[in-house]
Structures are given as C-alpha cells and as structure tokens.
Amino acid sequence: MQIINQPKTFIMSPKKIITVLLVSMCASLFSPVFATETPKAISESSKEMLTKKIETRLVEIRNMDKTNLTTVEKKELRKEVKELKKEARRNGIYLSIGAVIIIVLLLILLL
C-alpha cells in the first residue's frame, strides 16, 4: 500500500496573527515619521531666549494702545500674535495618537 503525500495546509495560530498585525501596523504608522526631515537641534539656552523674546513681544502687543490703529494694522497684529503662539508651541515634545496606542498595546502585551 502506497501512502500519498498530501500537501500540508498552512494554518496560523491566533498568536501569530496578532504579531503579524502588530508588526504591519507599526510599519505603517512609523514609516511616515521617518520620511520627514529632522529639525535642527536647538540648545536649551537658545530655546529659553527665544521663549523670553516671544513673551516680551506678546506683552508689548497686549499693552499697546490699539485705539489709534487702523483695521489693517489690527489685522497684522492678530496675525503676528498667532504666529508667535505657533512658534512658542513648537518647543514642546508631542506624541502622536498612533504612537500612544502602540505604546499602550506593547505595555499590555509585555506585562
């Protein structure tokens, strides 16, 4: 009697499926992060000086007498305040939502 070799079927366990999904999710979330240009490193003293400069300019704008200004000048001041606030926010460290989710999932799996 001759035994016919049947091809083995490929069955993945749930543990393997989860690991494959996690790896693919990590690859899809982190690849755009590495594609962007890295900003120049700024020393702490220059960050503090920049922050103080922004704060003093905002205080100057706040204390200005705006009654004599035209609407165009007021609009320019508002734009300047918005730009200064954006620049001040850039000095912090931010985590994306995807990174936070991945960190939480890894902590759950490891612990």
PDB file of N, CA and C in Angstrom:
ATOM      1  N   MET A   1       0.834  -1.158   0.000  1.00  0.00           N
ATOM      2  CA  MET A   1       0.000   0.000   0.000  1.00  0.00           C
ATOM      3  C   MET A   1       0.894   1.242   0.000  1.00  0.00           C
ATOM      4  N   GLN A   2       0.612   2.093  -0.934  1.00  0.00           N
ATOM      5  CA  GLN A   2       1.434   3.280  -1.084  1.00  0.00           C
ATOM      6  C   GLN A   2       0.721   4.481  -0.442  1.00  0.00           C
ATOM      7  N   ILE A   3       1.499   5.235   0.352  1.00  0.00           N
ATOM      8  CA  ILE A   3       0.936   6.412   1.025  1.00  0.00           C
ATOM      9  C   ILE A   3       1.190   7.625   0.134  1.00  0.00           C
ATOM     10  N   ILE A   4       0.129   8.324  -0.120  1.00  0.00           N
ATOM     11  CA  ILE A   4       0.230   9.516  -0.958  1.00  0.00           C
ATOM     12  C   ILE A   4       0.491  10.709  -0.039  1.00  0.00           C
ATOM     13  N   ASN A   5       1.549  11.410  -0.344  1.00  0.00           N
ATOM     14  CA  ASN A   5       1.864  12.596   0.460  1.00  0.00           C
ATOM     15  C   ASN A   5       0.935  13.742   0.068  1.00  0.00           C
ATOM     16  N   GLN A   6       0.180  14.160   1.015  1.00  0.00           N
ATOM     17  CA  GLN A   6      -0.700  15.295   0.777  1.00  0.00           C
ATOM     18  C   GLN A   6       0.015  16.577   1.208  1.00  0.00           C
ATOM     19  N   PRO A   7      -0.231  17.658   0.523  1.00  0.00           N
ATOM     20  CA  PRO A   7       0.427  18.919   0.917  1.00  0.00           C
ATOM     21  C   PRO A   7      -0.076  19.380   2.283  1.00  0.00           C
ATOM     22  N   LYS A   8       0.847  19.930   3.048  1.00  0.00           N
ATOM     23  CA  LYS A   8       0.470  20.419   4.367  1.00  0.00           C
ATOM     24  C   LYS A   8      -0.279  21.739   4.205  1.00  0.00           C
ATOM     25  N   THR A   9      -1.300  21.871   4.987  1.00  0.00           N
ATOM     26  CA  THR A   9      -2.056  23.122   4.944  1.00  0.00           C
ATOM     27  C   THR A   9      -1.402  24.140   5.872  1.00  0.00           C
ATOM     28  N   PHE A  10      -1.497  25.374   5.483  1.00  0.00           N
ATOM     29  CA  PHE A  10      -0.879  26.453   6.255  1.00  0.00           C
ATOM     30  C   PHE A  10      -1.934  27.045   7.178  1.00  0.00           C
ATOM     31  N   ILE A  11      -1.770  26.789   8.471  1.00  0.00           N
ATOM     32  CA  ILE A  11      -2.720  27.286   9.466  1.00  0.00           C
ATOM     33  C   ILE A  11      -1.962  28.177  10.438  1.00  0.00           C
ATOM     34  N   MET A  12      -2.467  29.401  10.601  1.00  0.00           N
ATOM     35  CA  MET A  12      -1.826  30.326  11.539  1.00  0.00           C
ATOM     36  C   MET A  12      -2.600  30.332  12.846  1.00  0.00           C
ATOM     37  N   SER A  13      -1.845  30.333  13.913  1.00  0.00           N
ATOM     38  CA  SER A  13      -2.476  30.416  15.223  1.00  0.00           C
ATOM     39  C   SER A  13      -2.855  31.871  15.504  1.00  0.00           C
ATOM     40  N   PRO A  14      -3.774  32.090  16.423  1.00  0.00           N
ATOM     41  CA  PRO A  14      -4.161  33.469  16.755  1.00  0.00           C
ATOM     42  C   PRO A  14      -2.988  34.308  17.252  1.00  0.00           C
ATOM     43  N   LYS A  15      -2.043  33.683  17.942  1.00  0.00           N
ATOM     44  CA  LYS A  15      -0.879  34.424  18.437  1.00  0.00           C
ATOM     45  C   LYS A  15      -0.047  34.947  17.271  1.00  0.00           C
ATOM     46  N   LYS A  16       0.135  34.120  16.233  1.00  0.00           N
ATOM     47  CA  LYS A  16       0.896  34.548  15.062  1.00  0.00           C
ATOM     48  C   LYS A  16       0.151  35.639  14.295  1.00  0.00           C
ATOM     49  N   ILE A  17      -1.152  35.540  14.228  1.00  0.00           N
ATOM     50  CA  ILE A  17      -1.951  36.538  13.523  1.00  0.00           C
ATOM     51  C   ILE A  17      -1.816  37.896  14.221  1.00  0.00           C
ATOM     52  N   ILE A  18      -1.876  37.891  15.551  1.00  0.00           N
ATOM     53  CA  ILE A  18      -1.763  39.138  16.307  1.00  0.00           C
ATOM     54  C   ILE A  18      -0.391  39.763  16.117  1.00  0.00           C
ATOM     55  N   THR A  19       0.661  38.953  16.146  1.00  0.00           N
ATOM     56  CA  THR A  19       2.002  39.510  15.972  1.00  0.00           C
ATOM     57  C   THR A  19       2.190  40.082  14.573  1.00  0.00           C
ATOM     58  N   VAL A  20       1.666  39.396  13.559  1.00  0.00           N
ATOM     59  CA  VAL A  20       1.769  39.896  12.189  1.00  0.00           C
ATOM     60  C   VAL A  20       1.004  41.213  12.051  1.00  0.00           C
ATOM     61  N   LEU A  21      -0.173  41.299  12.650  1.00  0.00           N
ATOM     62  CA  LEU A  21      -0.946  42.535  12.592  1.00  0.00           C
ATOM     63  C   LEU A  21      -0.232  43.679  13.307  1.00  0.00           C
ATOM     64  N   LEU A  22       0.352  43.407  14.465  1.00  0.00           N
ATOM     65  CA  LEU A  22       1.075  44.442  15.196  1.00  0.00           C
ATOM     66  C   LEU A  22       2.290  44.945  14.429  1.00  0.00           C
ATOM     67  N   VAL A  23       3.027  44.026  13.823  1.00  0.00           N
ATOM     68  CA  VAL A  23       4.200  44.428  13.051  1.00  0.00           C
ATOM     69  C   VAL A  23       3.795  45.250  11.841  1.00  0.00           C
ATOM     70  N   SER A  24       2.752  44.849  11.144  1.00  0.00           N
ATOM     71  CA  SER A  24       2.310  45.605   9.972  1.00  0.00           C
ATOM     72  C   SER A  24       1.756  46.972  10.374  1.00  0.00           C
ATOM     73  N   MET A  25       1.064  47.038  11.523  1.00  0.00           N
ATOM     74  CA  MET A  25       0.544  48.317  11.991  1.00  0.00           C
ATOM     75  C   MET A  25       1.694  49.248  12.370  1.00  0.00           C
ATOM     76  N   CYS A  26       2.694  48.716  13.041  1.00  0.00           N
ATOM     77  CA  CYS A  26       3.855  49.533  13.415  1.00  0.00           C
ATOM     78  C   CYS A  26       4.574  50.049  12.171  1.00  0.00           C
ATOM     79  N   ALA A  27       4.716  49.205  11.193  1.00  0.00           N
ATOM     80  CA  ALA A  27       5.413  49.613   9.974  1.00  0.00           C
ATOM     81  C   ALA A  27       4.635  50.704   9.244  1.00  0.00           C
ATOM     82  N   SER A  28       3.311  50.599   9.233  1.00  0.00           N
ATOM     83  CA  SER A  28       2.520  51.602   8.524  1.00  0.00           C
ATOM     84  C   SER A  28       2.432  52.911   9.291  1.00  0.00           C
ATOM     85  N   LEU A  29       2.528  52.859  10.619  1.00  0.00           N
ATOM     86  CA  LEU A  29       2.444  54.092  11.412  1.00  0.00           C
ATOM     87  C   LEU A  29       3.772  54.822  11.485  1.00  0.00           C
ATOM     88  N   PHE A  30       4.871  54.102  11.539  1.00  0.00           N
ATOM     89  CA  PHE A  30       6.161  54.729  11.744  1.00  0.00           C
ATOM     90  C   PHE A  30       6.871  55.121  10.462  1.00  0.00           C
ATOM     91  N   SER A  31       6.486  54.568   9.333  1.00  0.00           N
ATOM     92  CA  SER A  31       7.171  54.909   8.096  1.00  0.00           C
ATOM     93  C   SER A  31       6.996  56.382   7.716  1.00  0.00           C
ATOM     94  N   PRO A  32       5.825  57.008   7.899  1.00  0.00           N
ATOM     95  CA  PRO A  32       5.749  58.442   7.597  1.00  0.00           C
ATOM     96  C   PRO A  32       6.595  59.292   8.541  1.00  0.00           C
ATOM     97  N   VAL A  33       6.807  58.822   9.745  1.00  0.00           N
ATOM     98  CA  VAL A  33       7.605  59.580  10.709  1.00  0.00           C
ATOM     99  C   VAL A  33       9.048  59.659  10.246  1.00  0.00           C
ATOM    100  N   PHE A  34       9.579  58.585   9.741  1.00  0.00           N
ATOM    101  CA  PHE A  34      10.967  58.563   9.302  1.00  0.00           C
ATOM    102  C   PHE A  34      11.155  59.249   7.960  1.00  0.00           C
ATOM    103  N   ALA A  35      10.096  59.499   7.228  1.00  0.00           N
ATOM    104  CA  ALA A  35      10.211  60.128   5.922  1.00  0.00           C
ATOM    105  C   ALA A  35      10.392  61.639   6.027  1.00  0.00           C
ATOM    106  N   THR A  36      10.004  62.237   7.146  1.00  0.00           N
ATOM    107  CA  THR A  36      10.113  63.684   7.279  1.00  0.00           C
ATOM    108  C   THR A  36      11.528  64.088   7.641  1.00  0.00           C
ATOM    109  N   GLU A  37      11.835  65.334   7.375  1.00  0.00           N
ATOM    110  CA  GLU A  37      13.155  65.846   7.707  1.00  0.00           C
ATOM    111  C   GLU A  37      13.240  66.093   9.205  1.00  0.00           C
ATOM    112  N   THR A  38      14.403  65.864   9.769  1.00  0.00           N
ATOM    113  CA  THR A  38      14.575  66.108  11.191  1.00  0.00           C
ATOM    114  C   THR A  38      14.912  67.576  11.406  1.00  0.00           C
ATOM    115  N   PRO A  39      14.282  68.210  12.393  1.00  0.00           N
ATOM    116  CA  PRO A  39      14.587  69.611  12.644  1.00  0.00           C
ATOM    117  C   PRO A  39      15.968  69.759  13.263  1.00  0.00           C
ATOM    118  N   LYS A  40      16.537  70.944  13.121  1.00  0.00           N
ATOM    119  CA  LYS A  40      17.852  71.194  13.688  1.00  0.00           C
ATOM    120  C   LYS A  40      17.762  71.186  15.208  1.00  0.00           C
ATOM    121  N   ALA A  41      18.800  70.667  15.821  1.00  0.00           N
ATOM    122  CA  ALA A  41      18.842  70.630  17.272  1.00  0.00           C
ATOM    123  C   ALA A  41      19.076  72.041  17.817  1.00  0.00           C
ATOM    124  N   ILE A  42      18.233  72.429  18.760  1.00  0.00           N
ATOM    125  CA  ILE A  42      18.344  73.750  19.362  1.00  0.00           C
ATOM    126  C   ILE A  42      18.720  73.546  20.824  1.00  0.00           C
ATOM    127  N   SER A  43      19.715  74.275  21.266  1.00  0.00           N
ATOM    128  CA  SER A  43      20.150  74.124  22.647  1.00  0.00           C
ATOM    129  C   SER A  43      19.109  74.724  23.590  1.00  0.00           C
ATOM    130  N   GLU A  44      19.185  74.309  24.857  1.00  0.00           N
ATOM    131  CA  GLU A  44      18.220  74.761  25.857  1.00  0.00           C
ATOM    132  C   GLU A  44      18.298  76.261  26.088  1.00  0.00           C
ATOM    133  N   SER A  45      19.516  76.818  26.082  1.00  0.00           N
ATOM    134  CA  SER A  45      19.651  78.252  26.330  1.00  0.00           C
ATOM    135  C   SER A  45      19.025  79.067  25.205  1.00  0.00           C
ATOM    136  N   SER A  46      19.188  78.613  23.961  1.00  0.00           N
ATOM    137  CA  SER A  46      18.579  79.343  22.851  1.00  0.00           C
ATOM    138  C   SER A  46      17.056  79.204  22.869  1.00  0.00           C
ATOM    139  N   LYS A  47      16.553  78.038  23.324  1.00  0.00           N
ATOM    140  CA  LYS A  47      15.103  77.872  23.460  1.00  0.00           C
ATOM    141  C   LYS A  47      14.553  78.840  24.490  1.00  0.00           C
ATOM    142  N   GLU A  48      15.268  78.963  25.623  1.00  0.00           N
ATOM    143  CA  GLU A  48      14.817  79.877  26.672  1.00  0.00           C
ATOM    144  C   GLU A  48      14.845  81.322  26.182  1.00  0.00           C
ATOM    145  N   MET A  49      15.896  81.683  25.454  1.00  0.00           N
ATOM    146  CA  MET A  49      15.995  83.053  24.938  1.00  0.00           C
ATOM    147  C   MET A  49      14.866  83.334  23.942  1.00  0.00           C
ATOM    148  N   LEU A  50      14.580  82.355  23.080  1.00  0.00           N
ATOM    149  CA  LEU A  50      13.514  82.512  22.104  1.00  0.00           C
ATOM    150  C   LEU A  50      12.166  82.647  22.801  1.00  0.00           C
ATOM    151  N   THR A  51      11.945  81.835  23.832  1.00  0.00           N
ATOM    152  CA  THR A  51      10.685  81.890  24.577  1.00  0.00           C
ATOM    153  C   THR A  51      10.522  83.239  25.266  1.00  0.00           C
ATOM    154  N   LYS A  52      11.584  83.733  25.873  1.00  0.00           N
ATOM    155  CA  LYS A  52      11.518  85.041  26.530  1.00  0.00           C
ATOM    156  C   LYS A  52      11.255  86.154  25.524  1.00  0.00           C
ATOM    157  N   LYS A  53      11.878  86.054  24.367  1.00  0.00           N
ATOM    158  CA  LYS A  53      11.680  87.051  23.321  1.00  0.00           C
ATOM    159  C   LYS A  53      10.222  87.068  22.863  1.00  0.00           C
ATOM    160  N   ILE A  54       9.656  85.882  22.684  1.00  0.00           N
ATOM    161  CA  ILE A  54       8.251  85.777  22.268  1.00  0.00           C
ATOM    162  C   ILE A  54       7.340  86.346  23.347  1.00  0.00           C
ATOM    163  N   GLU A  55       7.620  86.011  24.608  1.00  0.00           N
ATOM    164  CA  GLU A  55       6.791  86.501  25.705  1.00  0.00           C
ATOM    165  C   GLU A  55       6.832  88.025  25.803  1.00  0.00           C
ATOM    166  N   THR A  56       8.016  88.598  25.657  1.00  0.00           N
ATOM    167  CA  THR A  56       8.104  90.061  25.746  1.00  0.00           C
ATOM    168  C   THR A  56       7.361  90.732  24.601  1.00  0.00           C
ATOM    169  N   ARG A  57       7.438  90.146  23.415  1.00  0.00           N
ATOM    170  CA  ARG A  57       6.717  90.727  22.272  1.00  0.00           C
ATOM    171  C   ARG A  57       5.213  90.621  22.484  1.00  0.00           C
ATOM    172  N   LEU A  58       4.739  89.503  23.029  1.00  0.00           N
ATOM    173  CA  LEU A  58       3.307  89.360  23.289  1.00  0.00           C
ATOM    174  C   LEU A  58       2.844  90.363  24.340  1.00  0.00           C
ATOM    175  N   VAL A  59       3.659  90.601  25.362  1.00  0.00           N
ATOM    176  CA  VAL A  59       3.314  91.589  26.382  1.00  0.00           C
ATOM    177  C   VAL A  59       3.276  92.987  25.775  1.00  0.00           C
ATOM    178  N   GLU A  60       4.229  93.294  24.898  1.00  0.00           N
ATOM    179  CA  GLU A  60       4.233  94.590  24.210  1.00  0.00           C
ATOM    180  C   GLU A  60       2.956  94.793  23.404  1.00  0.00           C
ATOM    181  N   ILE A  61       2.560  93.768  22.676  1.00  0.00           N
ATOM    182  CA  ILE A  61       1.348  93.865  21.852  1.00  0.00           C
ATOM    183  C   ILE A  61       0.122  94.028  22.744  1.00  0.00           C
ATOM    184  N   ARG A  62       0.082  93.295  23.847  1.00  0.00           N
ATOM    185  CA  ARG A  62      -1.055  93.370  24.759  1.00  0.00           C
ATOM    186  C   ARG A  62      -1.178  94.768  25.383  1.00  0.00           C
ATOM    187  N   ASN A  63      -0.052  95.397  25.697  1.00  0.00           N
ATOM    188  CA  ASN A  63      -0.064  96.696  26.362  1.00  0.00           C
ATOM    189  C   ASN A  63      -0.152  97.875  25.401  1.00  0.00           C
ATOM    190  N   MET A  64      -0.190  97.611  24.114  1.00  0.00           N
ATOM    191  CA  MET A  64      -0.259  98.691  23.126  1.00  0.00           C
ATOM    192  C   MET A  64      -1.616  99.390  23.180  1.00  0.00           C
ATOM    193  N   ASP A  65      -1.602 100.669  22.820  1.00  0.00           N
ATOM    194  CA  ASP A  65      -2.846 101.416  22.677  1.00  0.00           C
ATOM    195  C   ASP A  65      -3.365 101.176  21.263  1.00  0.00           C
ATOM    196  N   LYS A  66      -4.391 100.373  21.146  1.00  0.00           N
ATOM    197  CA  LYS A  66      -4.884  99.953  19.836  1.00  0.00           C
ATOM    198  C   LYS A  66      -6.010 100.833  19.311  1.00  0.00           C
ATOM    199  N   THR A  67      -6.368 101.863  20.054  1.00  0.00           N
ATOM    200  CA  THR A  67      -7.477 102.712  19.603  1.00  0.00           C
ATOM    201  C   THR A  67      -7.107 103.535  18.386  1.00  0.00           C
ATOM    202  N   ASN A  68      -5.838 103.877  18.233  1.00  0.00           N
ATOM    203  CA  ASN A  68      -5.421 104.719  17.104  1.00  0.00           C
ATOM    204  C   ASN A  68      -5.044 103.907  15.865  1.00  0.00           C
ATOM    205  N   LEU A  69      -5.072 102.600  15.954  1.00  0.00           N
ATOM    206  CA  LEU A  69      -4.661 101.766  14.831  1.00  0.00           C
ATOM    207  C   LEU A  69      -5.797 101.583  13.840  1.00  0.00           C
ATOM    208  N   THR A  70      -5.434 101.398  12.570  1.00  0.00           N
ATOM    209  CA  THR A  70      -6.433 101.114  11.538  1.00  0.00           C
ATOM    210  C   THR A  70      -6.772  99.624  11.589  1.00  0.00           C
ATOM    211  N   THR A  71      -7.791  99.247  10.853  1.00  0.00           N
ATOM    212  CA  THR A  71      -8.198  97.841  10.840  1.00  0.00           C
ATOM    213  C   THR A  71      -7.125  96.948  10.233  1.00  0.00           C
ATOM    214  N   VAL A  72      -6.408  97.458   9.260  1.00  0.00           N
ATOM    215  CA  VAL A  72      -5.338  96.684   8.615  1.00  0.00           C
ATOM    216  C   VAL A  72      -4.213  96.427   9.620  1.00  0.00           C
ATOM    217  N   GLU A  73      -3.854  97.452  10.380  1.00  0.00           N
ATOM    218  CA  GLU A  73      -2.798  97.283  11.392  1.00  0.00           C
ATOM    219  C   GLU A  73      -3.226  96.320  12.489  1.00  0.00           C
ATOM    220  N   LYS A  74      -4.491  96.392  12.887  1.00  0.00           N
ATOM    221  CA  LYS A  74      -5.000  95.456  13.904  1.00  0.00           C
ATOM    222  C   LYS A  74      -4.958  94.021  13.381  1.00  0.00           C
ATOM    223  N   LYS A  75      -5.313  93.860  12.104  1.00  0.00           N
ATOM    224  CA  LYS A  75      -5.283  92.532  11.499  1.00  0.00           C
ATOM    225  C   LYS A  75      -3.859  91.989  11.459  1.00  0.00           C
ATOM    226  N   GLU A  76      -2.887  92.837  11.130  1.00  0.00           N
ATOM    227  CA  GLU A  76      -1.485  92.418  11.118  1.00  0.00           C
ATOM    228  C   GLU A  76      -1.010  92.024  12.512  1.00  0.00           C
ATOM    229  N   LEU A  77      -1.449  92.771  13.522  1.00  0.00           N
ATOM    230  CA  LEU A  77      -1.089  92.420  14.903  1.00  0.00           C
ATOM    231  C   LEU A  77      -1.655  91.065  15.295  1.00  0.00           C
ATOM    232  N   ARG A  78      -2.913  90.804  14.902  1.00  0.00           N
ATOM    233  CA  ARG A  78      -3.509  89.499  15.204  1.00  0.00           C
ATOM    234  C   ARG A  78      -2.744  88.370  14.534  1.00  0.00           C
ATOM    235  N   LYS A  79      -2.342  88.575  13.277  1.00  0.00           N
ATOM    236  CA  LYS A  79      -1.559  87.557  12.570  1.00  0.00           C
ATOM    237  C   LYS A  79      -0.222  87.323  13.265  1.00  0.00           C
ATOM    238  N   GLU A  80       0.405  88.421  13.710  1.00  0.00           N
ATOM    239  CA  GLU A  80       1.684  88.286  14.400  1.00  0.00           C
ATOM    240  C   GLU A  80       1.530  87.512  15.708  1.00  0.00           C
ATOM    241  N   VAL A  81       0.448  87.779  16.439  1.00  0.00           N
ATOM    242  CA  VAL A  81       0.205  87.060  17.696  1.00  0.00           C
ATOM    243  C   VAL A  81      -0.001  85.568  17.424  1.00  0.00           C
ATOM    244  N   LYS A  82      -0.758  85.241  16.390  1.00  0.00           N
ATOM    245  CA  LYS A  82      -0.977  83.830  16.041  1.00  0.00           C
ATOM    246  C   LYS A  82       0.337  83.139  15.691  1.00  0.00           C
ATOM    247  N   GLU A  83       1.167  83.809  14.902  1.00  0.00           N
ATOM    248  CA  GLU A  83       2.451  83.215  14.507  1.00  0.00           C
ATOM    249  C   GLU A  83       3.373  83.029  15.711  1.00  0.00           C
ATOM    250  N   LEU A  84       3.372  84.007  16.614  1.00  0.00           N
ATOM    251  CA  LEU A  84       4.205  83.888  17.815  1.00  0.00           C
ATOM    252  C   LEU A  84       3.747  82.729  18.701  1.00  0.00           C
ATOM    253  N   LYS A  85       2.435  82.556  18.813  1.00  0.00           N
ATOM    254  CA  LYS A  85       1.924  81.445  19.624  1.00  0.00           C
ATOM    255  C   LYS A  85       2.258  80.095  18.995  1.00  0.00           C
ATOM    256  N   LYS A  86       2.181  80.011  17.673  1.00  0.00           N
ATOM    257  CA  LYS A  86       2.553  78.766  16.990  1.00  0.00           C
ATOM    258  C   LYS A  86       4.026  78.450  17.209  1.00  0.00           C
ATOM    259  N   GLU A  87       4.848  79.472  17.113  1.00  0.00           N
ATOM    260  CA  GLU A  87       6.284  79.285  17.303  1.00  0.00           C
ATOM    261  C   GLU A  87       6.605  78.864  18.737  1.00  0.00           C
ATOM    262  N   ALA A  88       5.867  79.404  19.693  1.00  0.00           N
ATOM    263  CA  ALA A  88       6.088  79.040  21.093  1.00  0.00           C
ATOM    264  C   ALA A  88       5.687  77.594  21.356  1.00  0.00           C
ATOM    265  N   ARG A  89       4.665  77.100  20.662  1.00  0.00           N
ATOM    266  CA  ARG A  89       4.213  75.715  20.858  1.00  0.00           C
ATOM    267  C   ARG A  89       5.174  74.694  20.261  1.00  0.00           C
ATOM    268  N   ARG A  90       5.981  75.088  19.295  1.00  0.00           N
ATOM    269  CA  ARG A  90       6.897  74.154  18.640  1.00  0.00           C
ATOM    270  C   ARG A  90       7.993  73.644  19.560  1.00  0.00           C
ATOM    271  N   ASN A  91       8.242  74.310  20.653  1.00  0.00           N
ATOM    272  CA  ASN A  91       9.340  73.933  21.533  1.00  0.00           C
ATOM    273  C   ASN A  91       9.031  72.722  22.406  1.00  0.00           C
ATOM    274  N   GLY A  92       7.813  72.231  22.415  1.00  0.00           N
ATOM    275  CA  GLY A  92       7.439  71.102  23.262  1.00  0.00           C
ATOM    276  C   GLY A  92       7.649  69.770  22.579  1.00  0.00           C
ATOM    277  N   ILE A  93       7.416  68.697  23.322  1.00  0.00           N
ATOM    278  CA  ILE A  93       7.518  67.336  22.796  1.00  0.00           C
ATOM    279  C   ILE A  93       6.107  66.806  22.625  1.00  0.00           C
ATOM    280  N   TYR A  94       5.797  66.317  21.438  1.00  0.00           N
ATOM    281  CA  TYR A  94       4.467  65.824  21.150  1.00  0.00           C
ATOM    282  C   TYR A  94       4.528  64.361  20.726  1.00  0.00           C
ATOM    283  N   LEU A  95       3.536  63.585  21.152  1.00  0.00           N
ATOM    284  CA  LEU A  95       3.393  62.197  20.734  1.00  0.00           C
ATOM    285  C   LEU A  95       2.122  62.082  19.912  1.00  0.00           C
ATOM    286  N   SER A  96       2.202  61.378  18.821  1.00  0.00           N
ATOM    287  CA  SER A  96       1.012  61.187  18.017  1.00  0.00           C
ATOM    288  C   SER A  96       0.103  60.161  18.681  1.00  0.00           C
ATOM    289  N   ILE A  97      -1.135  60.142  18.273  1.00  0.00           N
ATOM    290  CA  ILE A  97      -2.108  59.213  18.843  1.00  0.00           C
ATOM    291  C   ILE A  97      -1.719  57.776  18.512  1.00  0.00           C
ATOM    292  N   GLY A  98      -1.221  57.563  17.304  1.00  0.00           N
ATOM    293  CA  GLY A  98      -0.793  56.221  16.903  1.00  0.00           C
ATOM    294  C   GLY A  98       0.345  55.707  17.769  1.00  0.00           C
ATOM    295  N   ALA A  99       1.291  56.582  18.085  1.00  0.00           N
ATOM    296  CA  ALA A  99       2.415  56.183  18.931  1.00  0.00           C
ATOM    297  C   ALA A  99       1.939  55.831  20.335  1.00  0.00           C
ATOM    298  N   VAL A 100       0.996  56.594  20.857  1.00  0.00           N
ATOM    299  CA  VAL A 100       0.466  56.318  22.200  1.00  0.00           C
ATOM    300  C   VAL A 100      -0.260  54.981  22.213  1.00  0.00           C
ATOM    301  N   ILE A 101      -1.037  54.697  21.185  1.00  0.00           N
ATOM    302  CA  ILE A 101      -1.767  53.422  21.113  1.00  0.00           C
ATOM    303  C   ILE A 101      -0.792  52.255  21.050  1.00  0.00           C
ATOM    304  N   ILE A 102       0.251  52.386  20.260  1.00  0.00           N
ATOM    305  CA  ILE A 102       1.238  51.309  20.140  1.00  0.00           C
ATOM    306  C   ILE A 102       1.961  51.092  21.464  1.00  0.00           C
ATOM    307  N   ILE A 103       2.310  52.170  22.140  1.00  0.00           N
ATOM    308  CA  ILE A 103       2.989  52.041  23.435  1.00  0.00           C
ATOM    309  C   ILE A 103       2.091  51.325  24.432  1.00  0.00           C
ATOM    310  N   VAL A 104       0.816  51.690  24.456  1.00  0.00           N
ATOM    311  CA  VAL A 104      -0.122  51.038  25.383  1.00  0.00           C
ATOM    312  C   VAL A 104      -0.275  49.561  25.038  1.00  0.00           C
ATOM    313  N   LEU A 105      -0.395  49.247  23.743  1.00  0.00           N
ATOM    314  CA  LEU A 105      -0.533  47.835  23.349  1.00  0.00           C
ATOM    315  C   LEU A 105       0.707  47.029  23.717  1.00  0.00           C
ATOM    316  N   LEU A 106       1.872  47.595  23.492  1.00  0.00           N
ATOM    317  CA  LEU A 106       3.105  46.882  23.856  1.00  0.00           C
ATOM    318  C   LEU A 106       3.204  46.682  25.368  1.00  0.00           C
ATOM    319  N   LEU A 107       2.802  47.672  26.124  1.00  0.00           N
ATOM    320  CA  LEU A 107       2.819  47.518  27.587  1.00  0.00           C
ATOM    321  C   LEU A 107       1.857  46.433  28.038  1.00  0.00           C
ATOM    322  N   ILE A 108       0.687  46.376  27.422  1.00  0.00           N
ATOM    323  CA  ILE A 108      -0.299  45.335  27.775  1.00  0.00           C
ATOM    324  C   ILE A 108       0.242  43.961  27.436  1.00  0.00           C
ATOM    325  N   LEU A 109       0.848  43.838  26.254  1.00  0.00           N
ATOM    326  CA  LEU A 109       1.360  42.530  25.834  1.00  0.00           C
ATOM    327  C   LEU A 109       2.555  42.077  26.666  1.00  0.00           C
ATOM    328  N   LEU A 110       3.414  43.025  27.028  1.00  0.00           N
ATOM    329  CA  LEU A 110       4.612  42.659  27.778  1.00  0.00           C
ATOM    330  C   LEU A 110       4.323  42.435  29.256  1.00  0.00           C
ATOM    331  N   LEU A 111       3.362  43.129  29.798  1.00  0.00           N
ATOM    332  CA  LEU A 111       3.060  42.974  31.217  1.00  0.00           C
ATOM    333  C   LEU A 111       1.905  42.063  31.374  1.00  0.00           C
TER     334      LEU A 111
END
